[in-house]
C-alpha atoms as a PDB file:
ATOM      1  CA  UNK A   1     -11.494  23.091 -14.489  1.00  0.00           C
ATOM      2  CA  UNK A   2     -12.714  20.167 -16.391  1.00  0.00           C
ATOM      3  CA  UNK A   3     -13.541  16.630 -14.868  1.00  0.00           C
ATOM      4  CA  UNK A   4     -11.678  13.988 -16.909  1.00  0.00           C
ATOM      5  CA  UNK A   5     -10.948  10.384 -16.917  1.00  0.00           C
ATOM      6  CA  UNK A   6      -7.634   8.554 -17.023  1.00  0.00           C
ATOM      7  CA  UNK A   7      -8.799   6.756 -20.125  1.00  0.00           C
ATOM      8  CA  UNK A   8      -9.247  10.188 -21.828  1.00  0.00           C
ATOM      9  CA  UNK A   9      -5.646  11.327 -20.603  1.00  0.00           C
ATOM     10  CA  UNK A  10      -3.944   7.997 -21.491  1.00  0.00           C
ATOM     11  CA  UNK A  11      -3.799   8.465 -25.361  1.00  0.00           C
ATOM     12  CA  UNK A  12      -2.490  12.165 -25.009  1.00  0.00           C
ATOM     13  CA  UNK A  13       1.242  11.689 -25.366  1.00  0.00           C
ATOM     14  CA  UNK A  14       1.718  15.654 -24.949  1.00  0.00           C
ATOM     15  CA  UNK A  15       0.239  15.066 -21.316  1.00  0.00           C
ATOM     16  CA  UNK A  16       1.727  11.680 -20.486  1.00  0.00           C
ATOM     17  CA  UNK A  17       5.369  12.622 -21.773  1.00  0.00           C
ATOM     18  CA  UNK A  18       5.191  15.987 -19.902  1.00  0.00           C
ATOM     19  CA  UNK A  19       4.148  14.810 -16.433  1.00  0.00           C
ATOM     20  CA  UNK A  20       6.598  16.257 -13.963  1.00  0.00           C
ATOM     21  CA  UNK A  21       7.090  13.610 -11.432  1.00  0.00           C
ATOM     22  CA  UNK A  22       9.733  15.519  -9.621  1.00  0.00           C
ATOM     23  CA  UNK A  23       7.567  18.505  -9.021  1.00  0.00           C
ATOM     24  CA  UNK A  24       5.529  18.596  -5.684  1.00  0.00           C
ATOM     25  CA  UNK A  25       3.302  21.491  -4.602  1.00  0.00           C
ATOM     26  CA  UNK A  26       6.214  22.549  -2.115  1.00  0.00           C
ATOM     27  CA  UNK A  27       8.750  22.577  -5.143  1.00  0.00           C
ATOM     28  CA  UNK A  28       6.321  24.494  -7.288  1.00  0.00           C
ATOM     29  CA  UNK A  29       5.848  27.362  -4.845  1.00  0.00           C
ATOM     30  CA  UNK A  30       9.464  27.221  -3.830  1.00  0.00           C
ATOM     31  CA  UNK A  31      11.419  25.778  -6.964  1.00  0.00           C
ATOM     32  CA  UNK A  32      14.372  24.070  -5.280  1.00  0.00           C
ATOM     33  CA  UNK A  33      14.910  20.258  -4.699  1.00  0.00           C
ATOM     34  CA  UNK A  34      16.214  18.511  -1.625  1.00  0.00           C
ATOM     35  CA  UNK A  35      19.759  19.428  -2.462  1.00  0.00           C
ATOM     36  CA  UNK A  36      18.891  22.977  -2.816  1.00  0.00           C
ATOM     37  CA  UNK A  37      19.314  23.183  -6.646  1.00  0.00           C
ATOM     38  CA  UNK A  38      16.675  25.262  -8.598  1.00  0.00           C
ATOM     39  CA  UNK A  39      14.082  23.250 -10.429  1.00  0.00           C
ATOM     40  CA  UNK A  40      12.597  24.535 -13.573  1.00  0.00           C
ATOM     41  CA  UNK A  41       8.763  24.838 -13.114  1.00  0.00           C
ATOM     42  CA  UNK A  42       7.957  26.569 -16.400  1.00  0.00           C
ATOM     43  CA  UNK A  43       6.844  23.628 -18.448  1.00  0.00           C
ATOM     44  CA  UNK A  44       4.928  20.384 -18.066  1.00  0.00           C
ATOM     45  CA  UNK A  45       2.062  18.953 -15.809  1.00  0.00           C
ATOM     46  CA  UNK A  46       2.218  18.928 -12.087  1.00  0.00           C
ATOM     47  CA  UNK A  47      -0.248  16.333 -10.448  1.00  0.00           C
ATOM     48  CA  UNK A  48      -1.278  16.730  -6.816  1.00  0.00           C
ATOM     49  CA  UNK A  49      -4.165  15.715  -4.528  1.00  0.00           C
ATOM     50  CA  UNK A  50      -6.691  18.281  -3.572  1.00  0.00           C
ATOM     51  CA  UNK A  51     -10.462  18.527  -2.487  1.00  0.00           C
ATOM     52  CA  UNK A  52     -12.976  19.104  -5.548  1.00  0.00           C
ATOM     53  CA  UNK A  53     -16.436  19.303  -4.402  1.00  0.00           C
ATOM     54  CA  UNK A  54     -15.456  18.101  -0.858  1.00  0.00           C
ATOM     55  CA  UNK A  55     -14.064  14.817  -2.254  1.00  0.00           C
ATOM     56  CA  UNK A  56     -10.318  13.977  -2.866  1.00  0.00           C
ATOM     57  CA  UNK A  57      -9.251  14.125  -6.500  1.00  0.00           C
ATOM     58  CA  UNK A  58      -6.169  14.066  -8.592  1.00  0.00           C
ATOM     59  CA  UNK A  59      -5.704  17.645  -9.881  1.00  0.00           C
ATOM     60  CA  UNK A  60      -3.662  18.546 -12.884  1.00  0.00           C
ATOM     61  CA  UNK A  61      -1.830  21.730 -13.242  1.00  0.00           C
ATOM     62  CA  UNK A  62      -0.261  23.018 -16.402  1.00  0.00           C
ATOM     63  CA  UNK A  63       2.967  24.753 -15.620  1.00  0.00           C
ATOM     64  CA  UNK A  64       3.719  27.621 -18.012  1.00  0.00           C
ATOM     65  CA  UNK A  65       5.741  30.652 -17.690  1.00  0.00           C
ATOM     66  CA  UNK A  66       4.452  33.230 -16.910  1.00  0.00           C
ATOM     67  CA  UNK A  67       1.128  31.718 -15.642  1.00  0.00           C
ATOM     68  CA  UNK A  68       0.549  28.200 -14.688  1.00  0.00           C
ATOM     69  CA  UNK A  69      -3.233  27.061 -14.225  1.00  0.00           C
ATOM     70  CA  UNK A  70      -5.130  24.138 -12.986  1.00  0.00           C
ATOM     71  CA  UNK A  71      -6.562  22.502 -15.959  1.00  0.00           C
ATOM     72  CA  UNK A  72      -8.519  19.310 -14.926  1.00  0.00           C
ATOM     73  CA  UNK A  73      -9.125  16.744 -12.138  1.00  0.00           C
ATOM     74  CA  UNK A  74      -9.788  13.071 -11.927  1.00  0.00           C
ATOM     75  CA  UNK A  75     -12.008  11.637  -9.361  1.00  0.00           C
ATOM     76  CA  UNK A  76     -12.584   8.197 -10.870  1.00  0.00           C
ATOM     77  CA  UNK A  77      -9.593   6.363  -8.976  1.00  0.00           C
ATOM     78  CA  UNK A  78      -8.990   4.559  -5.586  1.00  0.00           C
ATOM     79  CA  UNK A  79     -10.093   6.951  -2.921  1.00  0.00           C
ATOM     80  CA  UNK A  80      -7.868   5.236  -0.434  1.00  0.00           C
ATOM     81  CA  UNK A  81      -4.699   6.103  -2.565  1.00  0.00           C
ATOM     82  CA  UNK A  82      -6.015   9.791  -2.688  1.00  0.00           C
ATOM     83  CA  UNK A  83      -6.868   9.936   1.066  1.00  0.00           C
ATOM     84  CA  UNK A  84      -3.299   8.244   1.938  1.00  0.00           C
ATOM     85  CA  UNK A  85      -1.661  11.411  -0.088  1.00  0.00           C
ATOM     86  CA  UNK A  86      -3.695  13.660   2.083  1.00  0.00           C
ATOM     87  CA  UNK A  87      -2.009  12.359   5.198  1.00  0.00           C
ATOM     88  CA  UNK A  88       1.527  14.088   4.240  1.00  0.00           C
ATOM     89  CA  UNK A  89       3.644  15.937   6.682  1.00  0.00           C
ATOM     90  CA  UNK A  90       2.605  19.354   7.012  1.00  0.00           C
ATOM     91  CA  UNK A  91       5.771  20.746   5.769  1.00  0.00           C
ATOM     92  CA  UNK A  92       4.920  18.923   2.306  1.00  0.00           C
ATOM     93  CA  UNK A  93       1.342  20.021   2.042  1.00  0.00           C
ATOM     94  CA  UNK A  94       0.881  23.494   0.661  1.00  0.00           C
ATOM     95  CA  UNK A  95      -2.456  25.429   1.006  1.00  0.00           C
ATOM     96  CA  UNK A  96      -4.458  22.278   0.608  1.00  0.00           C
ATOM     97  CA  UNK A  97      -2.308  20.862  -2.214  1.00  0.00           C
ATOM     98  CA  UNK A  98      -1.127  17.336  -1.168  1.00  0.00           C
ATOM     99  CA  UNK A  99       1.946  15.699  -3.080  1.00  0.00           C
ATOM    100  CA  UNK A 100       1.503  12.258  -4.638  1.00  0.00           C
ATOM    101  CA  UNK A 101       2.768   9.207  -2.635  1.00  0.00           C
ATOM    102  CA  UNK A 102       5.006   6.803  -4.305  1.00  0.00           C
ATOM    103  CA  UNK A 103       2.153   4.169  -4.121  1.00  0.00           C
ATOM    104  CA  UNK A 104      -0.153   6.693  -6.072  1.00  0.00           C
ATOM    105  CA  UNK A 105       2.528   7.517  -8.534  1.00  0.00           C
ATOM    106  CA  UNK A 106       2.995   3.849  -9.417  1.00  0.00           C
ATOM    107  CA  UNK A 107      -0.558   3.203  -9.676  1.00  0.00           C
ATOM    108  CA  UNK A 108      -1.037   6.224 -12.140  1.00  0.00           C
ATOM    109  CA  UNK A 109       1.927   5.138 -14.251  1.00  0.00           C
ATOM    110  CA  UNK A 110       0.561   1.756 -14.518  1.00  0.00           C
ATOM    111  CA  UNK A 111      -3.028   3.105 -15.509  1.00  0.00           C
ATOM    112  CA  UNK A 112      -1.520   5.582 -17.808  1.00  0.00           C
ATOM    113  CA  UNK A 113       0.767   3.070 -19.573  1.00  0.00           C
ATOM    114  CA  UNK A 114       4.001   4.778 -18.616  1.00  0.00           C
ATOM    115  CA  UNK A 115       7.022   2.651 -17.671  1.00  0.00           C
ATOM    116  CA  UNK A 116       8.112   3.066 -13.968  1.00  0.00           C
ATOM    117  CA  UNK A 117      11.460   4.809 -13.603  1.00  0.00           C
END
């Protein structure tokens, strides 16, 4: 897993246009949305928070069929936003993988130059 910066990721349209804001660790492991509909998790990038070297980090998973893999992590971002994500309800946190909070998503969209919505 490679350590990267948001500045390195920002110019990559392949990355920024394929972030799956709708996929959380819980949905990735059980591909259903709140309405019970199946979610396709065979493409794109899932972002989540995890500990890397005992520090909170944004982790990037490249979702592919048949094998998804964690490809990179980012530590150079506000630690308070990462720690806030780690305080999620137990039902949403899967195996040390924490979903992004709305505040963290909005911050990332701003930093990556992605329009909110």
